[in-house]
Amino acid sequence: MGINQDKYWQALLKKDKTYDGVFFYGVTTTGVYCRPSCGARMPLRKNVRFYLTGEAARQDNLRPCKRCRPDIDYDAQNDLMHDVCRYIQNNSQRRLTLEVLANQAGMSAGYFQRVFKKSIGMSPRKYQEACRINQFKSDLKSSDSVTSAIHSSGYESSSRIYEKLDTHMGMTPSSYRKGGESELISYASQSTPLGTAMIGATDRGICFLQFDQSADDLLALLKAEYPKAKLRPMPEENQPLFSQWMNVLNAFLEGKTTQLNLPLDIHGTAFQQMVWEYLTTIPVGELQSYTEVATSIGRPKSVRAVASACANNKIAIAIPCHRVIRGDGSLAGYKWGLSRKRTLIDLERKVSSLSHD
């Protein structure tokens, strides 16, 4: 394969991640070579040379960039990290220290921590916690008691598992074991620039934020999402908090702020949590394809699973699945309608451009 100067230069201008590994570029004024997606300052065209391999760049007396590390085989590194993931999944009930996992990968602890987080999208500790919680959930459905499920999933005491519930389960173990039965969710709705919105919340945070034509339609959706939970209108004493949440949401939808700091009560599979956590890191005004998201979380072959995680999102906007589109630039689907997705994208681009002026 030859070097297509114009094509590679256009890819470099876009910092296109899909060309990482296809070519490298060297900068004669700095003496370094980089990946196309490198975040370094864009060089002048006259100072750029293209190479098909890192070896060719090194033979031209260029050294690897310390920022994007083009001398590292990230595909092999990602494969190794996924081997570690499988090891964690199979041993989640054990106490796996950072040193134990680093030895498994043949790396120093500090370097392993950085590589794992970059490849998988979360820290080794957080990944093991997600695996352990998922095992606990599975054990709850088949065990005779909550206590036996706690111990079989590797927790030493009930206090340790209850510490983790707010971010992983969204309900107590006994409630989850009964399919969400007796979980109390308060709800209220209000008009927004995107139509009627309903917020449903437990005492740990928002577990439901969706849009539809009417409050009745939204209540039907809430019942479908949590069929065994106890639902009640937002009590009077919680109305000020609900008003505060709606004010934050409306300020965002009116382009008055780019921040949407809301307390969330989320639970999902380890993979869904990985995707949702990554989506919150996509800057306001920017879009990524399902393929780019899958590649960024270290799961390049899981494009359909990424799309499924977006479709299963119960919390609109705060988990910004609207920032994910098809690779050809089309909007693809959106749980709350393509017109809302287009409105959100246009709004965020406008706000982002104003903030950079």
Protein backbone atom coordinates (compact mmCIF):
# COMPACT_ATOMS: atom_id res chain seq x y z
CA MET A 1 0.00 0.00 0.00
CA GLY A 2 1.40 3.41 -0.97
CA ILE A 3 1.22 6.69 0.89
CA ASN A 4 -1.77 8.82 -0.06
CA GLN A 5 -0.49 12.25 0.96
CA ASP A 6 -3.76 14.16 0.55
CA LYS A 7 -5.90 11.50 2.21
CA TYR A 8 -3.54 11.16 5.16
CA TRP A 9 -3.28 14.93 5.59
CA GLN A 10 -7.09 15.22 5.75
CA ALA A 11 -7.19 12.40 8.32
CA LEU A 12 -4.53 14.21 10.32
CA LEU A 13 -6.49 17.48 10.25
CA LYS A 14 -9.47 15.61 11.70
CA LYS A 15 -7.26 13.66 14.17
CA ASP A 16 -9.15 10.62 12.90
CA LYS A 17 -8.69 7.68 15.32
CA THR A 18 -9.69 5.19 12.63
CA TYR A 19 -6.34 5.84 10.92
CA ASP A 20 -4.28 4.98 14.00
CA GLY A 21 -2.06 2.11 12.91
CA VAL A 22 -2.73 2.80 9.23
CA PHE A 23 -0.04 5.49 9.07
CA PHE A 24 2.17 7.64 11.25
CA TYR A 25 3.25 11.22 10.71
CA GLY A 26 6.58 12.79 11.51
CA VAL A 27 7.29 16.46 12.22
CA THR A 28 10.69 17.56 10.94
CA THR A 29 10.89 20.61 13.20
CA THR A 30 10.40 18.63 16.44
CA GLY A 31 12.01 15.35 15.38
CA VAL A 32 9.10 13.20 16.62
CA TYR A 33 6.53 10.96 14.98
CA CYS A 34 2.93 10.46 16.13
CA ARG A 35 -0.35 8.69 15.61
CA PRO A 36 -2.97 10.54 13.49
CA SER A 37 -5.16 11.05 16.59
CA CYS A 38 -2.38 12.59 18.69
CA GLY A 39 -3.55 15.58 20.69
CA ALA A 40 -0.37 17.53 20.04
CA ARG A 41 -0.51 20.93 18.34
CA MET A 42 -1.19 20.70 14.60
CA PRO A 43 2.05 21.12 12.62
CA LEU A 44 2.44 23.03 9.35
CA ARG A 45 1.90 20.89 6.26
CA LYS A 46 5.39 21.64 4.95
CA ASN A 47 6.93 20.11 8.11
CA VAL A 48 4.98 16.82 7.94
CA ARG A 49 6.09 13.46 6.55
CA PHE A 50 3.97 10.32 6.41
CA TYR A 51 5.09 6.77 7.17
CA LEU A 52 3.35 3.42 6.94
CA THR A 53 5.23 2.00 9.93
CA GLY A 54 6.84 3.31 13.07
CA GLU A 55 10.04 1.56 12.06
CA ALA A 56 10.19 3.65 8.88
CA ALA A 57 9.83 6.82 10.97
CA ARG A 58 12.60 5.73 13.35
CA GLN A 59 14.89 4.95 10.41
CA ASP A 60 14.31 8.56 9.36
CA ASN A 61 15.83 9.59 12.72
CA LEU A 62 12.52 10.47 14.33
CA ARG A 63 11.70 9.50 17.91
CA PRO A 64 8.26 8.40 19.22
CA CYS A 65 6.00 11.07 20.69
CA LYS A 66 5.73 10.84 24.48
CA ARG A 67 2.12 11.95 24.34
CA CYS A 68 0.50 9.42 22.00
CA ARG A 69 3.19 6.69 22.35
CA PRO A 70 3.10 5.47 18.70
CA ASP A 71 5.71 2.81 19.48
CA ILE A 72 3.22 0.84 21.58
CA ASP A 73 1.05 -1.85 19.98
CA TYR A 74 -2.30 -0.87 21.47
CA ASP A 75 -4.15 -3.74 19.82
CA ALA A 76 -1.93 -6.25 21.62
CA GLN A 77 -2.21 -4.16 24.79
CA ASN A 78 -6.02 -4.13 24.55
CA ASP A 79 -6.06 -7.90 24.05
CA LEU A 80 -3.92 -8.29 27.15
CA MET A 81 -6.22 -6.03 29.19
CA HIS A 82 -9.24 -8.05 28.10
CA ASP A 83 -7.45 -11.20 29.20
CA VAL A 84 -7.09 -9.53 32.61
CA CYS A 85 -10.80 -8.67 32.51
CA ARG A 86 -11.65 -12.32 32.02
CA TYR A 87 -9.35 -13.19 34.92
CA ILE A 88 -11.18 -10.66 37.11
CA GLN A 89 -14.58 -12.00 36.05
CA ASN A 90 -13.55 -15.56 36.92
CA ASN A 91 -12.07 -14.53 40.27
CA SER A 92 -14.25 -11.59 41.29
CA GLN A 93 -15.03 -13.18 44.66
CA ARG A 94 -11.31 -13.14 45.56
CA ARG A 95 -9.37 -10.17 46.89
CA LEU A 96 -7.47 -9.04 43.79
CA THR A 97 -5.01 -6.29 44.63
CA LEU A 98 -3.52 -3.99 42.02
CA GLU A 99 -0.20 -5.82 42.42
CA VAL A 100 -1.82 -9.21 41.77
CA LEU A 101 -3.46 -7.95 38.57
CA ALA A 102 -0.32 -6.13 37.44
CA ASN A 103 1.67 -9.36 37.83
CA GLN A 104 -0.99 -11.11 35.77
CA ALA A 105 -0.30 -8.60 32.99
CA GLY A 106 3.48 -8.62 33.50
CA MET A 107 3.58 -4.87 34.22
CA SER A 108 4.41 -2.56 37.09
CA ALA A 109 1.41 -1.59 39.20
CA GLY A 110 1.38 2.08 38.19
CA TYR A 111 1.76 1.41 34.49
CA PHE A 112 -0.86 -1.35 34.57
CA GLN A 113 -3.33 0.98 36.28
CA ARG A 114 -2.95 3.59 33.52
CA VAL A 115 -3.10 1.07 30.65
CA PHE A 116 -6.14 -0.74 32.07
CA LYS A 117 -8.13 2.46 32.57
CA LYS A 118 -7.27 3.72 29.08
CA SER A 119 -8.18 0.39 27.48
CA ILE A 120 -11.28 -0.58 29.50
CA GLY A 121 -12.63 2.82 30.49
CA MET A 122 -12.54 2.33 34.26
CA SER A 123 -10.02 1.41 36.94
CA PRO A 124 -9.24 -2.26 37.75
CA ARG A 125 -10.84 -1.82 41.15
CA LYS A 126 -14.02 -0.39 39.68
CA TYR A 127 -14.19 -3.16 37.09
CA GLN A 128 -13.82 -5.84 39.75
CA GLU A 129 -16.50 -4.12 41.82
CA ALA A 130 -18.88 -4.16 38.84
CA CYS A 131 -18.17 -7.88 38.27
CA ARG A 132 -18.71 -8.64 41.93
CA ILE A 133 -21.97 -6.70 42.03
CA ASN A 134 -23.19 -8.55 38.93
CA GLN A 135 -22.29 -11.86 40.56
CA PHE A 136 -24.11 -10.74 43.69
CA LYS A 137 -27.20 -9.88 41.63
CA SER A 138 -27.12 -13.29 39.99
CA ASP A 139 -26.64 -15.05 43.34
CA LEU A 140 -29.52 -13.11 44.88
CA LYS A 141 -31.98 -14.65 42.44
CA SER A 142 -30.89 -18.20 43.19
CA SER A 143 -29.79 -18.08 46.84
CA ASP A 144 -31.96 -18.94 49.81
CA SER A 145 -31.09 -15.66 51.53
CA VAL A 146 -29.39 -12.31 51.04
CA THR A 147 -26.69 -13.36 53.52
CA SER A 148 -25.65 -16.42 51.54
CA ALA A 149 -25.53 -14.34 48.34
CA ILE A 150 -23.31 -11.79 50.08
CA HIS A 151 -20.75 -14.40 51.08
CA SER A 152 -20.82 -16.41 47.84
CA SER A 153 -20.04 -13.25 45.84
CA GLY A 154 -16.98 -12.50 47.95
CA TYR A 155 -18.18 -9.83 50.37
CA GLU A 156 -17.02 -10.29 53.93
CA SER A 157 -19.98 -8.52 55.53
CA SER A 158 -23.34 -6.98 54.71
CA SER A 159 -21.97 -3.51 55.44
CA ARG A 160 -19.51 -3.79 52.54
CA ILE A 161 -22.21 -4.58 49.98
CA TYR A 162 -24.54 -1.84 51.27
CA GLU A 163 -21.71 0.68 50.79
CA LYS A 164 -21.78 -0.10 47.06
CA LEU A 165 -25.50 -0.05 46.39
CA ASP A 166 -26.01 3.60 45.50
CA THR A 167 -23.95 3.47 42.32
CA HIS A 168 -24.45 -0.15 41.27
CA MET A 169 -27.87 -1.46 42.17
CA GLY A 170 -30.20 1.43 42.81
CA MET A 171 -32.14 -0.59 45.39
CA THR A 172 -31.59 -2.71 48.45
CA PRO A 173 -30.55 -6.37 48.00
CA SER A 174 -33.83 -7.71 49.36
CA SER A 175 -35.76 -5.43 47.00
CA TYR A 176 -33.65 -6.48 44.01
CA ARG A 177 -34.09 -10.14 44.94
CA LYS A 178 -37.85 -9.60 44.59
CA GLY A 179 -37.48 -7.93 41.20
CA GLY A 180 -37.67 -4.38 42.54
CA GLU A 181 -40.77 -5.13 44.56
CA SER A 182 -41.37 -2.57 47.35
CA GLU A 183 -38.81 -0.13 45.90
CA LEU A 184 -40.29 3.36 46.31
CA ILE A 185 -39.98 5.75 43.36
CA SER A 186 -41.40 9.27 43.52
CA TYR A 187 -42.23 11.01 40.28
CA ALA A 188 -43.25 14.40 38.92
CA SER A 189 -43.49 15.99 35.49
CA GLN A 190 -43.08 19.44 34.02
CA SER A 191 -42.96 21.20 30.68
CA THR A 192 -39.52 21.79 29.09
CA PRO A 193 -38.23 23.11 25.74
CA LEU A 194 -38.20 19.44 24.57
CA GLY A 195 -41.75 18.73 25.68
CA THR A 196 -43.08 17.14 28.84
CA ALA A 197 -40.38 15.59 31.01
CA MET A 198 -40.82 13.25 33.94
CA ILE A 199 -38.31 12.62 36.68
CA GLY A 200 -38.51 9.51 38.83
CA ALA A 201 -36.28 9.27 41.88
CA THR A 202 -35.46 6.99 44.77
CA ASP A 203 -33.95 8.35 47.96
CA ARG A 204 -30.55 7.87 46.29
CA GLY A 205 -31.13 9.98 43.18
CA ILE A 206 -32.76 10.15 39.75
CA CYS A 207 -33.44 6.75 38.20
CA PHE A 208 -35.75 7.93 35.40
CA LEU A 209 -35.63 11.05 33.21
CA GLN A 210 -37.56 10.80 29.97
CA PHE A 211 -39.63 12.83 27.50
CA ASP A 212 -42.98 12.18 25.84
CA GLN A 213 -46.18 13.88 24.73
CA SER A 214 -47.94 13.82 28.09
CA ALA A 215 -47.51 13.04 31.77
CA ASP A 216 -49.82 10.02 31.38
CA ASP A 217 -47.61 8.56 28.63
CA LEU A 218 -44.54 9.11 30.78
CA LEU A 219 -46.13 7.45 33.80
CA ALA A 220 -46.87 4.42 31.61
CA LEU A 221 -43.18 4.34 30.59
CA LEU A 222 -42.11 4.59 34.23
CA LYS A 223 -44.36 1.66 35.15
CA ALA A 224 -42.93 -0.36 32.27
CA GLU A 225 -39.34 0.37 33.36
CA TYR A 226 -40.04 -0.52 37.02
CA PRO A 227 -43.04 -2.89 36.97
CA LYS A 228 -42.67 -4.12 40.55
CA ALA A 229 -41.70 -0.85 42.22
CA LYS A 230 -44.07 1.25 44.31
CA LEU A 231 -44.72 4.50 42.49
CA ARG A 232 -46.06 7.65 44.09
CA PRO A 233 -46.41 11.31 43.06
CA MET A 234 -43.55 13.45 44.36
CA PRO A 235 -44.44 14.29 48.00
CA GLU A 236 -44.84 17.94 48.94
CA GLU A 237 -41.71 17.99 51.08
CA ASN A 238 -39.63 16.93 48.05
CA GLN A 239 -41.12 19.45 45.63
CA PRO A 240 -38.35 22.06 46.23
CA LEU A 241 -35.72 19.47 45.29
CA PHE A 242 -37.68 18.47 42.18
CA SER A 243 -37.98 22.15 41.21
CA GLN A 244 -34.23 22.52 41.62
CA TRP A 245 -33.58 19.55 39.31
CA MET A 246 -36.01 20.89 36.72
CA ASN A 247 -34.39 24.35 36.87
CA VAL A 248 -31.01 22.77 36.14
CA LEU A 249 -32.50 20.75 33.27
CA ASN A 250 -34.28 23.75 31.74
CA ALA A 251 -31.19 25.95 32.06
CA PHE A 252 -29.29 23.32 30.07
CA LEU A 253 -32.04 23.01 27.45
CA GLU A 254 -32.22 26.78 27.08
CA GLY A 255 -28.48 27.00 26.42
CA LYS A 256 -27.75 28.88 29.64
CA THR A 257 -25.27 26.31 30.94
CA THR A 258 -23.24 23.37 29.71
CA GLN A 259 -23.29 21.69 33.12
CA LEU A 260 -25.97 19.17 34.09
CA ASN A 261 -24.99 18.10 37.58
CA LEU A 262 -27.83 15.89 38.81
CA PRO A 263 -27.70 13.09 41.42
CA LEU A 264 -28.22 9.81 39.57
CA ASP A 265 -29.30 6.39 40.81
CA ILE A 266 -28.03 4.07 38.05
CA HIS A 267 -27.71 0.32 37.81
CA GLY A 268 -26.86 -1.85 34.82
CA THR A 269 -24.47 -4.50 33.63
CA ALA A 270 -20.72 -3.89 33.85
CA PHE A 271 -20.66 -3.24 30.10
CA GLN A 272 -23.58 -0.79 30.22
CA GLN A 273 -21.94 1.10 33.08
CA MET A 274 -18.72 1.23 31.08
CA VAL A 275 -20.54 2.71 28.08
CA TRP A 276 -22.62 5.15 30.12
CA GLU A 277 -19.59 6.35 32.06
CA TYR A 278 -17.69 6.92 28.82
CA LEU A 279 -20.61 8.85 27.28
CA THR A 280 -20.43 11.39 30.09
CA THR A 281 -16.84 12.18 29.04
CA ILE A 282 -17.80 13.21 25.48
CA PRO A 283 -17.59 17.02 25.56
CA VAL A 284 -20.68 19.13 24.96
CA GLY A 285 -20.95 19.92 21.24
CA GLU A 286 -18.98 16.88 20.09
CA LEU A 287 -20.28 13.68 18.49
CA GLN A 288 -18.85 10.17 18.21
CA SER A 289 -19.91 7.14 16.24
CA TYR A 290 -20.90 3.84 17.85
CA THR A 291 -17.67 2.44 16.45
CA GLU A 292 -15.59 5.21 18.04
CA VAL A 293 -17.25 4.62 21.41
CA ALA A 294 -16.65 0.88 21.18
CA THR A 295 -13.00 1.47 20.26
CA SER A 296 -12.51 4.05 23.01
CA ILE A 297 -13.72 1.67 25.74
CA GLY A 298 -11.42 -1.03 24.41
CA ARG A 299 -14.20 -3.15 22.87
CA PRO A 300 -13.93 -2.44 19.12
CA LYS A 301 -16.00 -5.51 18.18
CA SER A 302 -18.91 -4.55 20.47
CA VAL A 303 -20.49 -1.86 18.31
CA ARG A 304 -23.97 -3.41 18.51
CA ALA A 305 -23.65 -3.82 22.27
CA VAL A 306 -22.76 -0.12 22.54
CA ALA A 307 -25.89 0.74 20.54
CA SER A 308 -27.93 -1.52 22.84
CA ALA A 309 -26.51 0.18 25.95
CA CYS A 310 -27.53 3.56 24.50
CA ALA A 311 -31.03 2.23 23.76
CA ASN A 312 -31.36 0.95 27.34
CA ASN A 313 -30.47 4.29 28.88
CA LYS A 314 -33.27 5.36 31.26
CA ILE A 315 -31.83 8.79 32.05
CA ALA A 316 -31.94 11.16 29.09
CA ILE A 317 -29.40 13.96 28.59
CA ALA A 318 -27.57 13.38 31.92
CA ILE A 319 -26.27 10.20 30.28
CA PRO A 320 -25.78 11.81 26.85
CA CYS A 321 -26.48 9.01 24.39
CA HIS A 322 -27.66 11.74 21.98
CA ARG A 323 -23.96 12.47 21.30
CA VAL A 324 -23.57 9.10 19.56
CA ILE A 325 -24.38 8.78 15.85
CA ARG A 326 -23.74 6.35 12.99
CA GLY A 327 -20.35 6.24 11.30
CA ASP A 328 -21.82 7.74 8.11
CA GLY A 329 -22.92 10.84 10.03
CA SER A 330 -26.64 10.00 10.19
CA LEU A 331 -28.37 10.35 13.53
CA ALA A 332 -29.44 6.69 13.89
CA GLY A 333 -32.18 6.00 16.43
CA TYR A 334 -32.97 7.86 19.62
CA LYS A 335 -35.26 6.60 22.33
CA TRP A 336 -36.99 9.96 22.66
CA GLY A 337 -37.29 10.81 18.95
CA LEU A 338 -34.88 11.99 16.26
CA SER A 339 -36.25 15.54 16.34
CA ARG A 340 -35.24 15.84 20.00
CA LYS A 341 -31.83 14.37 19.20
CA ARG A 342 -31.29 16.92 16.41
CA THR A 343 -32.44 19.74 18.70
CA LEU A 344 -30.00 18.66 21.41
CA ILE A 345 -27.09 18.35 18.99
CA ASP A 346 -27.76 21.78 17.45
CA LEU A 347 -28.19 23.35 20.88
CA GLU A 348 -24.96 21.89 22.24
CA ARG A 349 -22.96 22.88 19.17
CA LYS A 350 -24.26 26.45 19.46
CA VAL A 351 -23.51 26.68 23.18
CA SER A 352 -20.07 25.11 22.70
CA SER A 353 -19.13 27.54 19.91
CA LEU A 354 -20.23 30.52 22.00
CA SER A 355 -18.19 29.33 24.98
CA HIS A 356 -15.05 29.15 22.79
CA ASP A 357 -15.48 32.61 21.23
